[in-house]
């Protein structure tokens, strides 16, 4: 079997799908995307195609090593995301060729269903309370929310009280049996994160995500040591090398690699194993499309230290058979490869030119606010 073509497809709202063709008629699907940099990522896929065309798609680890190591420059969002989508497609082909789901090739599932969480929010405590109640009644055992879009380096008591009040209302809505993740989104400085964490401890959050940006691991360590709330991070880190220092310094208790950014199925499987040796949980980041989510589910199925899975699309209008939410869980897929079939006729209506701008926001003085 040989790879004959790499086809990239831009789909609304901001996704890129990769269709990998072979000379035996099997195709593999991946999702190589950097949000806001779709065209650059798709171009990197085609650049990597110069090596891949004519290769046997079943040599997954070999191709990963060649594409990551042989170009002299390694890592980064564009190259790693292109490689991630390619890796997903290679695993999809291999699973289809053998007639088994990818998780069977990774050692077999350790669970029967994948826990997912629901994003919630609002403008007032009552909004948060009602959103929490609705999520609980729908069967979710975990929800996630975040701070307002604009956060200054240090904030007023009114900001702190307002934000904490919303989370307290959310806790009232979900009750004590539902977990609450709080995504600070890297918008918050370490000093403010410490103040907020102290005020949030009585609510017992599941984790605080990205309490500060990940470039300075020592700053995250400072936050982690200041609170009893577990710290989560990883959506902006690439390959196992990006997670090494986080683990060694105890900066986080939950790792959140993105299977469309961090290196695909192959690499996130290794990151999960590294995390397990430090007693850290895995909660893959996935604000993307159904192909990326399908790849996540394969890793979730085989990861003993899996915690919960982010998702925004179960594939309605994109997959022939959408993934199913059963009371806050997705059953482990048992179809071959990634376990999904892209509806190529239906996705035609979602095509666009790939131009999507990352939202920008501004402080009152006109300076840029972190998204």
Protein backbone atom coordinates (compact mmCIF):
# COMPACT_ATOMS: atom_id res chain seq x y z
CA UNK A 1 0.00 0.00 0.00
CA UNK A 2 1.26 3.48 -0.91
CA UNK A 3 0.13 7.04 -0.16
CA UNK A 4 -0.93 8.77 -3.39
CA UNK A 5 -2.40 12.12 -2.37
CA UNK A 6 -2.91 14.47 0.59
CA UNK A 7 -6.10 16.51 0.22
CA UNK A 8 -6.87 19.35 2.64
CA UNK A 9 -10.43 20.62 3.03
CA UNK A 10 -11.36 23.89 4.79
CA UNK A 11 -14.65 23.61 6.67
CA UNK A 12 -16.65 26.09 8.72
CA UNK A 13 -16.49 27.18 11.43
CA UNK A 14 -12.64 27.01 11.50
CA UNK A 15 -11.54 23.46 10.71
CA UNK A 16 -9.20 21.76 8.26
CA UNK A 17 -9.69 18.11 7.38
CA UNK A 18 -7.01 15.98 5.76
CA UNK A 19 -8.04 13.17 3.42
CA UNK A 20 -5.10 10.85 2.81
CA UNK A 21 -5.51 8.70 -0.30
CA UNK A 22 -3.82 5.35 -1.02
CA UNK A 23 -3.39 3.20 -4.11
CA UNK A 24 -5.58 0.48 -2.58
CA UNK A 25 -8.60 2.75 -2.20
CA UNK A 26 -8.38 3.13 1.57
CA UNK A 27 -8.48 6.72 2.83
CA UNK A 28 -7.52 8.10 6.19
CA UNK A 29 -8.88 11.23 7.84
CA UNK A 30 -7.07 13.68 10.10
CA UNK A 31 -7.59 17.20 11.39
CA UNK A 32 -4.42 19.33 11.03
CA UNK A 33 -5.34 22.80 12.22
CA UNK A 34 -4.04 25.82 14.08
CA UNK A 35 -7.03 28.03 14.77
CA UNK A 36 -6.54 31.23 12.78
CA UNK A 37 -3.67 29.76 10.75
CA UNK A 38 -5.55 27.23 8.65
CA UNK A 39 -3.89 28.04 5.35
CA UNK A 40 -0.39 27.96 6.80
CA UNK A 41 -1.08 24.57 8.41
CA UNK A 42 -2.55 23.15 5.20
CA UNK A 43 0.54 24.37 3.31
CA UNK A 44 2.77 22.58 5.83
CA UNK A 45 0.80 19.38 5.22
CA UNK A 46 1.53 19.66 1.50
CA UNK A 47 5.21 20.34 2.22
CA UNK A 48 5.35 17.15 4.27
CA UNK A 49 3.60 15.40 1.42
CA UNK A 50 6.78 15.64 -0.64
CA UNK A 51 8.16 12.93 1.61
CA UNK A 52 4.94 11.00 2.22
CA UNK A 53 3.75 10.45 -1.36
CA UNK A 54 4.77 6.95 -2.36
CA UNK A 55 5.37 5.78 1.22
CA UNK A 56 3.67 2.87 2.98
CA UNK A 57 1.15 4.51 5.39
CA UNK A 58 1.45 1.66 7.87
CA UNK A 59 4.94 2.72 9.03
CA UNK A 60 3.47 5.31 11.38
CA UNK A 61 6.28 5.72 13.91
CA UNK A 62 8.92 5.87 11.20
CA UNK A 63 7.06 8.58 9.30
CA UNK A 64 6.49 10.54 12.54
CA UNK A 65 10.21 10.50 13.30
CA UNK A 66 11.17 11.51 9.77
CA UNK A 67 8.72 14.40 9.59
CA UNK A 68 9.59 15.68 13.06
CA UNK A 69 13.36 15.24 13.07
CA UNK A 70 14.65 15.50 9.52
CA UNK A 71 13.79 19.13 8.81
CA UNK A 72 16.36 20.56 11.28
CA UNK A 73 13.74 22.92 12.77
CA UNK A 74 11.46 21.06 15.16
CA UNK A 75 8.22 21.74 16.95
CA UNK A 76 6.00 24.79 17.01
CA UNK A 77 2.29 25.13 16.27
CA UNK A 78 2.36 24.94 12.46
CA UNK A 79 4.73 22.02 11.96
CA UNK A 80 3.39 20.01 14.89
CA UNK A 81 -0.24 20.56 13.90
CA UNK A 82 0.44 19.48 10.32
CA UNK A 83 2.20 16.38 11.67
CA UNK A 84 -0.68 15.76 14.10
CA UNK A 85 -3.29 15.59 11.35
CA UNK A 86 -1.05 13.36 9.25
CA UNK A 87 -0.52 11.02 12.21
CA UNK A 88 -4.29 10.76 12.79
CA UNK A 89 -4.84 9.87 9.12
CA UNK A 90 -2.08 7.24 9.19
CA UNK A 91 -3.65 5.54 12.20
CA UNK A 92 -7.07 5.71 10.52
CA UNK A 93 -5.70 3.90 7.47
CA UNK A 94 -3.89 1.27 9.53
CA UNK A 95 -6.98 0.50 11.58
CA UNK A 96 -9.12 0.24 8.46
CA UNK A 97 -6.56 -1.98 6.75
CA UNK A 98 -6.67 -4.39 9.72
CA UNK A 99 -10.40 -4.01 10.36
CA UNK A 100 -10.00 -2.84 13.96
CA UNK A 101 -10.36 0.44 15.87
CA UNK A 102 -7.17 2.32 16.65
CA UNK A 103 -7.56 1.66 20.37
CA UNK A 104 -7.16 -2.06 19.69
CA UNK A 105 -3.77 -1.32 18.12
CA UNK A 106 -2.80 0.74 21.16
CA UNK A 107 -3.37 -2.12 23.59
CA UNK A 108 -7.14 -2.26 23.90
CA UNK A 109 -9.69 -0.18 25.76
CA UNK A 110 -9.54 0.14 29.54
CA UNK A 111 -13.05 1.66 29.73
CA UNK A 112 -16.39 1.31 27.99
CA UNK A 113 -17.34 4.98 27.78
CA UNK A 114 -15.60 8.34 27.63
CA UNK A 115 -16.57 11.06 30.10
CA UNK A 116 -17.14 14.45 28.46
CA UNK A 117 -17.77 17.83 30.01
CA UNK A 118 -20.11 20.63 29.02
CA UNK A 119 -19.11 24.27 28.62
CA UNK A 120 -21.32 26.63 30.61
CA UNK A 121 -21.43 30.36 31.28
CA UNK A 122 -23.60 33.43 31.44
CA UNK A 123 -23.77 37.07 32.45
CA UNK A 124 -25.13 36.72 35.98
CA UNK A 125 -25.11 34.31 38.91
CA UNK A 126 -28.60 33.19 37.94
CA UNK A 127 -27.37 32.36 34.41
CA UNK A 128 -24.61 30.22 35.88
CA UNK A 129 -26.97 28.56 38.34
CA UNK A 130 -29.43 27.64 35.59
CA UNK A 131 -26.70 26.47 33.21
CA UNK A 132 -25.34 24.22 35.93
CA UNK A 133 -28.74 22.81 36.72
CA UNK A 134 -29.41 22.07 33.05
CA UNK A 135 -26.07 20.31 32.64
CA UNK A 136 -26.68 18.16 35.70
CA UNK A 137 -30.17 17.22 34.52
CA UNK A 138 -28.72 16.26 31.12
CA UNK A 139 -26.49 13.75 32.88
CA UNK A 140 -23.16 15.58 32.78
CA UNK A 141 -20.82 14.88 35.67
CA UNK A 142 -18.45 17.71 34.74
CA UNK A 143 -18.77 21.25 33.41
CA UNK A 144 -16.27 23.96 32.54
CA UNK A 145 -16.42 27.73 32.56
CA UNK A 146 -14.08 30.71 32.62
CA UNK A 147 -13.56 34.38 33.52
CA UNK A 148 -14.78 37.38 31.52
CA UNK A 149 -13.06 38.06 28.21
CA UNK A 150 -11.04 41.03 29.46
CA UNK A 151 -8.84 40.59 32.54
CA UNK A 152 -6.15 43.04 33.68
CA UNK A 153 -2.89 42.02 35.35
CA UNK A 154 -4.42 42.88 38.71
CA UNK A 155 -8.14 43.33 39.28
CA UNK A 156 -10.49 45.07 41.69
CA UNK A 157 -12.31 43.47 44.62
CA UNK A 158 -15.51 43.88 42.59
CA UNK A 159 -14.06 41.76 39.76
CA UNK A 160 -12.93 39.04 42.17
CA UNK A 161 -16.26 39.01 44.03
CA UNK A 162 -18.24 38.96 40.78
CA UNK A 163 -16.25 36.11 39.24
CA UNK A 164 -16.26 34.02 42.41
CA UNK A 165 -19.97 34.71 42.88
CA UNK A 166 -20.70 33.25 39.46
CA UNK A 167 -18.74 30.09 40.27
CA UNK A 168 -20.52 29.77 43.63
CA UNK A 169 -23.85 30.01 41.80
CA UNK A 170 -22.67 27.38 39.33
CA UNK A 171 -21.85 25.08 42.24
CA UNK A 172 -25.36 25.62 43.60
CA UNK A 173 -26.73 24.64 40.19
CA UNK A 174 -24.71 21.48 39.63
CA UNK A 175 -24.66 20.35 43.26
CA UNK A 176 -21.79 18.58 45.04
CA UNK A 177 -21.64 15.55 42.71
CA UNK A 178 -20.65 17.39 39.52
CA UNK A 179 -17.12 18.60 38.85
CA UNK A 180 -16.38 22.20 37.82
CA UNK A 181 -13.34 23.02 35.71
CA UNK A 182 -12.36 26.69 35.51
CA UNK A 183 -10.38 27.81 32.46
CA UNK A 184 -8.38 30.98 33.17
CA UNK A 185 -7.35 30.83 29.48
CA UNK A 186 -3.92 32.32 30.15
CA UNK A 187 -5.61 35.70 30.57
CA UNK A 188 -4.67 35.95 34.22
CA UNK A 189 -1.33 36.92 35.77
CA UNK A 190 0.18 34.58 38.39
CA UNK A 191 -0.47 37.12 41.15
CA UNK A 192 -4.15 37.44 40.27
CA UNK A 193 -4.45 33.67 39.75
CA UNK A 194 -3.24 33.09 43.31
CA UNK A 195 -5.79 35.57 44.69
CA UNK A 196 -8.63 34.02 42.67
CA UNK A 197 -7.64 30.47 43.57
CA UNK A 198 -7.73 31.26 47.28
CA UNK A 199 -11.24 32.69 46.93
CA UNK A 200 -12.38 29.70 44.84
CA UNK A 201 -11.09 26.93 47.12
CA UNK A 202 -14.37 26.61 49.08
CA UNK A 203 -16.15 25.75 45.80
CA UNK A 204 -13.77 22.77 45.30
CA UNK A 205 -13.09 23.11 41.55
CA UNK A 206 -11.92 20.05 39.64
CA UNK A 207 -9.03 22.13 38.28
CA UNK A 208 -7.90 25.59 37.28
CA UNK A 209 -6.80 25.54 33.64
CA UNK A 210 -3.97 27.76 32.37
CA UNK A 211 -3.76 29.99 35.47
CA UNK A 212 -1.02 31.76 33.55
CA UNK A 213 0.62 31.35 30.17
CA UNK A 214 2.79 28.22 29.87
CA UNK A 215 6.01 29.83 28.62
CA UNK A 216 7.21 30.37 32.20
CA UNK A 217 6.85 27.04 33.96
CA UNK A 218 8.28 28.39 37.21
CA UNK A 219 5.44 30.92 37.40
CA UNK A 220 2.94 28.09 37.09
CA UNK A 221 4.78 26.18 39.82
CA UNK A 222 4.35 29.20 42.08
CA UNK A 223 0.60 29.16 41.46
CA UNK A 224 0.37 25.40 41.94
CA UNK A 225 2.14 25.56 45.30
CA UNK A 226 -0.13 28.36 46.52
CA UNK A 227 -3.41 26.46 46.27
CA UNK A 228 -5.06 23.11 46.94
CA UNK A 229 -6.88 23.31 43.58
CA UNK A 230 -5.24 21.10 40.92
CA UNK A 231 -3.67 22.95 37.99
CA UNK A 232 -4.30 21.94 34.36
CA UNK A 233 -2.33 23.02 31.30
CA UNK A 234 -1.08 21.84 27.94
CA UNK A 235 -3.20 23.00 25.02
CA UNK A 236 -0.37 25.30 23.87
CA UNK A 237 2.43 22.78 24.39
CA UNK A 238 3.85 20.57 21.65
CA UNK A 239 5.24 17.01 21.81
CA UNK A 240 6.50 15.19 24.89
CA UNK A 241 9.40 17.64 25.08
CA UNK A 242 7.02 20.53 25.77
CA UNK A 243 5.49 18.65 28.71
CA UNK A 244 8.72 17.43 30.29
CA UNK A 245 9.44 20.48 32.44
CA UNK A 246 5.80 20.81 33.50
CA UNK A 247 5.91 17.28 34.88
CA UNK A 248 9.39 17.43 36.39
CA UNK A 249 8.65 20.65 38.29
CA UNK A 250 5.17 19.65 39.44
CA UNK A 251 3.53 22.57 37.66
CA UNK A 252 0.29 20.72 36.88
CA UNK A 253 -1.82 17.78 38.00
CA UNK A 254 -3.79 17.55 34.75
CA UNK A 255 -2.23 17.60 31.27
CA UNK A 256 -4.32 18.81 28.32
CA UNK A 257 -2.47 18.06 25.08
CA UNK A 258 -4.40 18.73 21.88
CA UNK A 259 -4.28 15.79 19.45
CA UNK A 260 -4.35 18.24 16.53
CA UNK A 261 -1.43 20.26 17.89
CA UNK A 262 0.79 18.17 20.18
CA UNK A 263 1.80 15.46 17.70
CA UNK A 264 -1.29 13.37 17.04
CA UNK A 265 -2.30 10.00 18.44
CA UNK A 266 1.26 8.68 18.54
CA UNK A 267 2.65 11.51 20.61
CA UNK A 268 -0.26 12.06 22.98
CA UNK A 269 -0.17 8.37 23.84
CA UNK A 270 3.43 8.93 24.97
CA UNK A 271 2.55 12.14 26.83
CA UNK A 272 -0.19 10.24 28.68
CA UNK A 273 2.31 7.57 29.73
CA UNK A 274 4.74 10.24 30.94
CA UNK A 275 1.93 11.83 32.95
CA UNK A 276 1.05 8.50 34.51
CA UNK A 277 4.55 8.18 36.00
CA UNK A 278 4.00 11.53 37.76
CA UNK A 279 0.46 10.58 38.90
CA UNK A 280 -1.02 13.22 36.59
CA UNK A 281 -4.32 12.92 34.75
CA UNK A 282 -4.99 13.42 31.03
CA UNK A 283 -7.82 15.62 29.75
CA UNK A 284 -7.24 16.22 26.01
CA UNK A 285 -8.01 19.66 24.62
CA UNK A 286 -10.42 19.58 21.66
CA UNK A 287 -12.38 22.71 20.66
CA UNK A 288 -12.28 21.39 17.08
CA UNK A 289 -14.18 19.13 14.72
CA UNK A 290 -15.38 15.53 14.88
CA UNK A 291 -12.27 14.00 13.30
CA UNK A 292 -10.06 15.50 16.02
CA UNK A 293 -12.56 14.34 18.65
CA UNK A 294 -12.59 10.81 17.18
CA UNK A 295 -8.80 10.73 17.48
CA UNK A 296 -9.07 11.86 21.10
CA UNK A 297 -11.56 9.11 21.90
CA UNK A 298 -9.12 6.44 20.71
CA UNK A 299 -6.45 7.71 23.14
CA UNK A 300 -8.98 8.26 25.93
CA UNK A 301 -10.11 4.65 25.59
CA UNK A 302 -6.65 3.22 26.33
CA UNK A 303 -5.37 5.75 28.89
CA UNK A 304 -5.63 4.60 32.52
CA UNK A 305 -5.10 8.14 33.83
CA UNK A 306 -7.77 9.73 31.62
CA UNK A 307 -9.94 12.33 33.39
CA UNK A 308 -12.42 13.90 30.96
CA UNK A 309 -12.73 15.00 27.34
CA UNK A 310 -13.49 18.41 25.85
CA UNK A 311 -15.79 18.44 22.81
CA UNK A 312 -17.77 20.98 20.80
CA UNK A 313 -18.98 18.90 17.82
CA UNK A 314 -20.27 15.34 17.73
CA UNK A 315 -20.29 15.48 13.95
CA UNK A 316 -23.85 16.39 13.02
CA UNK A 317 -23.70 17.45 9.38
CA UNK A 318 -20.14 16.16 9.03
CA UNK A 319 -20.30 12.44 9.85
CA UNK A 320 -22.57 9.78 8.35
CA UNK A 321 -23.24 8.56 11.88
CA UNK A 322 -22.57 11.30 14.45
CA UNK A 323 -21.00 10.46 17.78
CA UNK A 324 -23.53 10.03 20.58
CA UNK A 325 -23.73 11.82 23.92
CA UNK A 326 -25.23 9.38 26.42
CA UNK A 327 -25.73 11.29 29.67
CA UNK A 328 -22.39 13.07 29.54
CA UNK A 329 -20.46 10.14 28.05
CA UNK A 330 -19.55 8.90 24.57
CA UNK A 331 -19.40 5.11 24.11
CA UNK A 332 -15.97 3.86 23.06
CA UNK A 333 -16.12 3.63 19.22
CA UNK A 334 -15.69 0.14 17.78
CA UNK A 335 -15.59 0.89 14.04
CA UNK A 336 -12.32 0.41 12.16
CA UNK A 337 -9.67 3.14 12.26
CA UNK A 338 -10.94 6.26 13.98
CA UNK A 339 -14.39 4.69 14.09
CA UNK A 340 -16.11 7.38 12.02
CA UNK A 341 -17.19 7.96 8.41
CA UNK A 342 -16.97 11.49 7.07
CA UNK A 343 -20.07 12.42 5.05
CA UNK A 344 -18.31 13.83 2.02
CA UNK A 345 -21.54 14.92 0.38
CA UNK A 346 -22.77 16.76 3.47
CA UNK A 347 -19.50 18.57 4.17
CA UNK A 348 -19.67 20.31 0.78
CA UNK A 349 -22.10 22.81 2.29
CA UNK A 350 -19.56 23.63 5.03
CA UNK A 351 -16.61 24.43 2.75
CA UNK A 352 -15.04 27.90 2.91
CA UNK A 353 -11.76 29.56 1.97
CA UNK A 354 -10.02 28.93 5.31
CA UNK A 355 -9.97 32.57 6.46
CA UNK A 356 -10.84 32.70 10.18
CA UNK A 357 -9.52 35.41 12.49
CA UNK A 358 -8.79 34.72 16.13
CA UNK A 359 -11.10 37.09 18.08
CA UNK A 360 -9.37 40.18 19.41
CA UNK A 361 -10.46 42.14 22.43
CA UNK A 362 -9.25 45.40 23.94
CA UNK A 363 -8.96 46.96 27.35
CA UNK A 364 -10.58 50.32 28.05
CA UNK A 365 -7.28 52.09 27.40
CA UNK A 366 -7.02 50.58 23.91
CA UNK A 367 -4.35 47.97 24.70
CA UNK A 368 -4.74 44.37 23.59
CA UNK A 369 -6.41 41.94 25.99
CA UNK A 370 -5.34 38.29 25.89
CA UNK A 371 -8.01 36.08 24.39
